[in-house]
Amino acid sequence: MKFFGPKALPVFLFGLVLTGFVDKGEGNACSRTFFTALVQLIPCRAAVAPFSPIPPSETCCNAIKALGQPCLCVIVNGPPISGVDRNMALQLPEKCTANFEPCDIMK
């Protein structure tokens, strides 16, 4: 009996790669994929642009709080994102008074 067709292997491997982006800290995991978490942070793009003096908006702060620390860590530890300064992204919880634990940064 054949369980996987030839097209199922790439989908399976993609799923395995995405599970690598789940935060492994203290039992809290991001329930979103990297891409859906990133989309939720669209209101923050002006505040995380390189060299941006723009503070996060209320909409951005609400998005950060709704996203949560595990998903923010998934984003900052994920692949490079054009137009996003990771250090600025890491400062969002403090600027938004979100009270998140710091992310463990993978190198």
N, C-alpha and C. Protein backbone atom coordinates (compact mmCIF):
# COMPACT_ATOMS: atom_id res chain seq x y z
N MET A 1 0.85 -1.17 0.00
CA MET A 1 0.00 0.00 0.00
C MET A 1 0.90 1.24 0.00
N LYS A 2 0.59 2.18 -0.87
CA LYS A 2 1.39 3.38 -1.01
C LYS A 2 0.71 4.54 -0.27
N PHE A 3 1.43 5.17 0.68
CA PHE A 3 0.86 6.25 1.48
C PHE A 3 1.15 7.63 0.89
N PHE A 4 2.30 7.81 0.31
CA PHE A 4 2.70 9.11 -0.21
C PHE A 4 2.94 9.04 -1.70
N GLY A 5 2.37 9.96 -2.43
CA GLY A 5 2.64 10.07 -3.84
C GLY A 5 3.90 10.89 -4.04
N PRO A 6 4.38 11.02 -5.26
CA PRO A 6 5.62 11.76 -5.51
C PRO A 6 5.50 13.25 -5.16
N LYS A 7 4.29 13.80 -5.16
CA LYS A 7 4.12 15.22 -4.84
C LYS A 7 4.01 15.46 -3.35
N ALA A 8 3.81 14.44 -2.56
CA ALA A 8 3.64 14.61 -1.12
C ALA A 8 4.96 14.88 -0.41
N LEU A 9 6.07 14.40 -0.94
CA LEU A 9 7.36 14.57 -0.27
C LEU A 9 7.75 16.03 -0.11
N PRO A 10 7.67 16.88 -1.14
CA PRO A 10 8.02 18.29 -0.92
C PRO A 10 7.12 18.96 0.11
N VAL A 11 5.86 18.65 0.14
CA VAL A 11 4.94 19.23 1.12
C VAL A 11 5.33 18.78 2.53
N PHE A 12 5.66 17.52 2.67
CA PHE A 12 6.08 16.97 3.95
C PHE A 12 7.38 17.65 4.42
N LEU A 13 8.34 17.82 3.52
CA LEU A 13 9.61 18.45 3.88
C LEU A 13 9.40 19.92 4.25
N PHE A 14 8.51 20.61 3.54
CA PHE A 14 8.20 22.01 3.87
C PHE A 14 7.62 22.09 5.28
N GLY A 15 6.75 21.16 5.62
CA GLY A 15 6.17 21.12 6.97
C GLY A 15 7.24 20.91 8.03
N LEU A 16 8.20 20.05 7.74
CA LEU A 16 9.30 19.82 8.68
C LEU A 16 10.13 21.08 8.88
N VAL A 17 10.40 21.80 7.80
CA VAL A 17 11.16 23.04 7.90
C VAL A 17 10.41 24.05 8.76
N LEU A 18 9.11 24.19 8.55
CA LEU A 18 8.33 25.15 9.33
C LEU A 18 8.30 24.81 10.81
N THR A 19 8.30 23.53 11.14
CA THR A 19 8.31 23.17 12.56
C THR A 19 9.61 23.58 13.23
N GLY A 20 10.66 23.75 12.45
CA GLY A 20 11.92 24.24 13.00
C GLY A 20 11.84 25.68 13.46
N PHE A 21 10.83 26.42 13.00
CA PHE A 21 10.67 27.82 13.40
C PHE A 21 9.85 27.97 14.67
N VAL A 22 9.36 26.90 15.25
CA VAL A 22 8.56 26.98 16.46
C VAL A 22 9.50 27.17 17.64
N ASP A 23 9.20 28.14 18.49
CA ASP A 23 10.01 28.42 19.66
C ASP A 23 9.94 27.24 20.62
N LYS A 24 11.07 26.84 21.14
CA LYS A 24 11.13 25.68 22.01
C LYS A 24 11.12 26.05 23.51
N GLY A 25 10.88 27.30 23.85
CA GLY A 25 11.00 27.74 25.23
C GLY A 25 9.78 27.48 26.09
N GLU A 26 9.97 27.00 27.26
CA GLU A 26 9.01 26.86 28.36
C GLU A 26 7.61 26.40 27.94
N GLY A 27 7.52 25.54 26.96
CA GLY A 27 6.23 24.99 26.58
C GLY A 27 5.33 25.93 25.80
N ASN A 28 5.75 27.16 25.62
CA ASN A 28 4.97 28.10 24.81
C ASN A 28 5.47 28.05 23.39
N ALA A 29 4.59 27.78 22.47
CA ALA A 29 4.98 27.71 21.07
C ALA A 29 4.11 28.64 20.26
N CYS A 30 4.67 29.08 19.16
CA CYS A 30 3.92 29.92 18.24
C CYS A 30 2.99 29.02 17.45
N SER A 31 1.72 29.36 17.44
CA SER A 31 0.74 28.54 16.72
C SER A 31 0.60 28.97 15.27
N ARG A 32 1.41 29.93 14.84
CA ARG A 32 1.35 30.43 13.46
C ARG A 32 2.60 30.01 12.70
N THR A 33 2.51 30.03 11.38
CA THR A 33 3.70 29.84 10.58
C THR A 33 4.48 31.14 10.57
N PHE A 34 5.69 31.08 10.13
CA PHE A 34 6.53 32.28 10.01
C PHE A 34 5.80 33.35 9.19
N PHE A 35 5.22 32.94 8.08
CA PHE A 35 4.60 33.90 7.17
C PHE A 35 3.34 34.52 7.74
N THR A 36 2.50 33.75 8.43
CA THR A 36 1.29 34.35 9.00
C THR A 36 1.64 35.26 10.17
N ALA A 37 2.68 34.93 10.92
CA ALA A 37 3.13 35.81 12.00
C ALA A 37 3.67 37.11 11.42
N LEU A 38 4.40 37.01 10.33
CA LEU A 38 4.95 38.19 9.68
C LEU A 38 3.84 39.10 9.15
N VAL A 39 2.83 38.52 8.57
CA VAL A 39 1.70 39.30 8.04
C VAL A 39 1.02 40.06 9.17
N GLN A 40 0.93 39.45 10.35
CA GLN A 40 0.27 40.13 11.47
C GLN A 40 1.05 41.37 11.89
N LEU A 41 2.33 41.42 11.58
CA LEU A 41 3.15 42.57 11.98
C LEU A 41 3.23 43.66 10.92
N ILE A 42 2.42 43.59 9.89
CA ILE A 42 2.44 44.63 8.85
C ILE A 42 2.23 46.02 9.44
N PRO A 43 1.37 46.20 10.45
CA PRO A 43 1.22 47.56 11.01
C PRO A 43 2.50 48.10 11.64
N CYS A 44 3.49 47.26 11.85
CA CYS A 44 4.74 47.68 12.50
C CYS A 44 5.86 47.99 11.51
N ARG A 45 5.60 47.88 10.22
CA ARG A 45 6.71 47.98 9.27
C ARG A 45 7.44 49.31 9.34
N ALA A 46 6.74 50.42 9.60
CA ALA A 46 7.43 51.72 9.70
C ALA A 46 8.34 51.78 10.93
N ALA A 47 7.94 51.10 11.99
CA ALA A 47 8.72 51.14 13.24
C ALA A 47 9.92 50.20 13.22
N VAL A 48 9.97 49.27 12.27
CA VAL A 48 11.09 48.32 12.23
C VAL A 48 11.96 48.50 10.99
N ALA A 49 11.68 49.55 10.22
CA ALA A 49 12.53 49.84 9.06
C ALA A 49 13.90 50.27 9.55
N PRO A 50 14.95 49.88 8.85
CA PRO A 50 16.31 50.28 9.28
C PRO A 50 16.43 51.79 9.46
N PHE A 51 17.00 52.18 10.58
CA PHE A 51 17.25 53.58 10.93
C PHE A 51 15.97 54.41 11.09
N SER A 52 14.86 53.76 11.37
CA SER A 52 13.59 54.47 11.49
C SER A 52 13.46 55.16 12.85
N PRO A 53 13.14 56.46 12.84
CA PRO A 53 12.89 57.16 14.10
C PRO A 53 11.42 57.08 14.51
N ILE A 54 10.61 56.37 13.72
CA ILE A 54 9.17 56.33 13.97
C ILE A 54 8.85 55.34 15.09
N PRO A 55 8.18 55.80 16.15
CA PRO A 55 7.80 54.86 17.23
C PRO A 55 6.66 53.97 16.75
N PRO A 56 6.49 52.82 17.39
CA PRO A 56 5.38 51.95 17.00
C PRO A 56 4.03 52.62 17.28
N SER A 57 3.11 52.42 16.37
CA SER A 57 1.77 52.98 16.53
C SER A 57 0.97 52.11 17.51
N GLU A 58 -0.18 52.62 17.89
CA GLU A 58 -1.06 51.83 18.76
C GLU A 58 -1.49 50.54 18.05
N THR A 59 -1.75 50.63 16.75
CA THR A 59 -2.13 49.45 15.97
C THR A 59 -1.00 48.42 15.97
N CYS A 60 0.24 48.91 15.83
CA CYS A 60 1.41 48.03 15.88
C CYS A 60 1.50 47.36 17.25
N CYS A 61 1.36 48.13 18.30
CA CYS A 61 1.47 47.58 19.66
C CYS A 61 0.38 46.54 19.92
N ASN A 62 -0.81 46.80 19.44
CA ASN A 62 -1.89 45.81 19.59
C ASN A 62 -1.54 44.53 18.83
N ALA A 63 -0.94 44.68 17.65
CA ALA A 63 -0.53 43.51 16.86
C ALA A 63 0.56 42.72 17.59
N ILE A 64 1.53 43.42 18.18
CA ILE A 64 2.61 42.75 18.93
C ILE A 64 2.03 41.97 20.10
N LYS A 65 1.14 42.60 20.85
CA LYS A 65 0.54 41.94 22.02
C LYS A 65 -0.30 40.73 21.61
N ALA A 66 -1.01 40.85 20.49
CA ALA A 66 -1.81 39.72 20.01
C ALA A 66 -0.93 38.60 19.47
N LEU A 67 0.18 38.97 18.87
CA LEU A 67 1.09 37.98 18.30
C LEU A 67 1.74 37.15 19.40
N GLY A 68 2.24 37.81 20.43
CA GLY A 68 2.87 37.11 21.54
C GLY A 68 4.36 36.91 21.36
N GLN A 69 5.04 36.68 22.46
CA GLN A 69 6.49 36.54 22.47
C GLN A 69 6.97 35.35 21.64
N PRO A 70 6.37 34.17 21.75
CA PRO A 70 6.91 33.05 20.96
C PRO A 70 6.90 33.32 19.45
N CYS A 71 5.85 33.95 18.95
CA CYS A 71 5.77 34.22 17.52
C CYS A 71 6.71 35.34 17.11
N LEU A 72 6.90 36.34 17.97
CA LEU A 72 7.88 37.38 17.67
C LEU A 72 9.27 36.76 17.57
N CYS A 73 9.57 35.83 18.44
CA CYS A 73 10.87 35.15 18.40
C CYS A 73 11.02 34.32 17.13
N VAL A 74 9.94 33.73 16.67
CA VAL A 74 9.97 32.99 15.40
C VAL A 74 10.37 33.94 14.27
N ILE A 75 9.81 35.14 14.28
CA ILE A 75 10.11 36.10 13.22
C ILE A 75 11.56 36.56 13.28
N VAL A 76 12.03 36.95 14.46
CA VAL A 76 13.40 37.48 14.54
C VAL A 76 14.45 36.39 14.33
N ASN A 77 14.08 35.14 14.54
CA ASN A 77 15.02 34.04 14.30
C ASN A 77 14.83 33.38 12.94
N GLY A 78 13.86 33.87 12.17
CA GLY A 78 13.58 33.30 10.86
C GLY A 78 14.53 33.83 9.80
N PRO A 79 14.18 33.56 8.55
CA PRO A 79 15.02 34.04 7.46
C PRO A 79 15.06 35.56 7.41
N PRO A 80 16.09 36.13 6.78
CA PRO A 80 16.17 37.60 6.67
C PRO A 80 14.95 38.17 5.97
N ILE A 81 14.52 39.34 6.43
CA ILE A 81 13.35 40.00 5.87
C ILE A 81 13.80 41.36 5.35
N SER A 82 13.63 41.58 4.07
CA SER A 82 14.03 42.85 3.45
C SER A 82 13.25 44.00 4.08
N GLY A 83 13.97 45.04 4.49
CA GLY A 83 13.33 46.22 5.05
C GLY A 83 13.00 46.12 6.52
N VAL A 84 13.46 45.06 7.19
CA VAL A 84 13.18 44.89 8.62
C VAL A 84 14.50 44.79 9.38
N ASP A 85 14.68 45.68 10.34
CA ASP A 85 15.84 45.64 11.22
C ASP A 85 15.46 44.76 12.43
N ARG A 86 16.09 43.63 12.55
CA ARG A 86 15.75 42.67 13.63
C ARG A 86 15.91 43.29 15.02
N ASN A 87 16.93 44.13 15.19
CA ASN A 87 17.11 44.78 16.49
C ASN A 87 15.94 45.70 16.82
N MET A 88 15.43 46.38 15.81
CA MET A 88 14.26 47.25 16.03
C MET A 88 13.04 46.39 16.38
N ALA A 89 12.91 45.25 15.70
CA ALA A 89 11.79 44.35 15.99
C ALA A 89 11.87 43.82 17.42
N LEU A 90 13.08 43.55 17.89
CA LEU A 90 13.25 43.06 19.25
C LEU A 90 12.91 44.12 20.30
N GLN A 91 12.95 45.38 19.92
CA GLN A 91 12.63 46.47 20.84
C GLN A 91 11.13 46.76 20.93
N LEU A 92 10.36 46.20 20.01
CA LEU A 92 8.92 46.50 19.99
C LEU A 92 8.20 46.15 21.30
N PRO A 93 8.44 44.97 21.89
CA PRO A 93 7.71 44.68 23.14
C PRO A 93 7.96 45.72 24.23
N GLU A 94 9.19 46.17 24.36
CA GLU A 94 9.50 47.18 25.38
C GLU A 94 8.82 48.51 25.04
N LYS A 95 8.90 48.91 23.79
CA LYS A 95 8.29 50.17 23.37
C LYS A 95 6.76 50.12 23.48
N CYS A 96 6.21 48.92 23.38
CA CYS A 96 4.75 48.76 23.45
C CYS A 96 4.29 48.30 24.83
N THR A 97 5.19 48.26 25.79
CA THR A 97 4.91 47.77 27.14
C THR A 97 4.19 46.42 27.11
N ALA A 98 4.76 45.50 26.34
CA ALA A 98 4.16 44.18 26.20
C ALA A 98 4.65 43.17 27.23
N ASN A 99 5.72 43.49 27.97
CA ASN A 99 6.19 42.62 29.04
C ASN A 99 6.57 41.22 28.58
N PHE A 100 7.22 41.08 27.44
CA PHE A 100 7.66 39.78 26.95
C PHE A 100 9.03 39.45 27.50
N GLU A 101 9.28 38.17 27.65
CA GLU A 101 10.63 37.69 27.94
C GLU A 101 11.48 37.93 26.69
N PRO A 102 12.79 38.16 26.85
CA PRO A 102 13.63 38.33 25.66
C PRO A 102 13.68 37.05 24.83
N CYS A 103 13.87 37.23 23.54
CA CYS A 103 14.01 36.07 22.64
C CYS A 103 15.42 35.52 22.73
N ASP A 104 15.53 34.22 22.62
CA ASP A 104 16.84 33.58 22.44
C ASP A 104 17.18 33.73 20.98
N ILE A 105 18.25 34.45 20.69
CA ILE A 105 18.62 34.71 19.30
C ILE A 105 19.51 33.58 18.80
N MET A 106 19.08 32.97 17.69
CA MET A 106 19.87 31.91 17.05
C MET A 106 20.82 32.57 16.06
N LYS A 107 22.03 32.06 16.01
CA LYS A 107 23.01 32.63 15.07
C LYS A 107 23.22 31.73 13.91
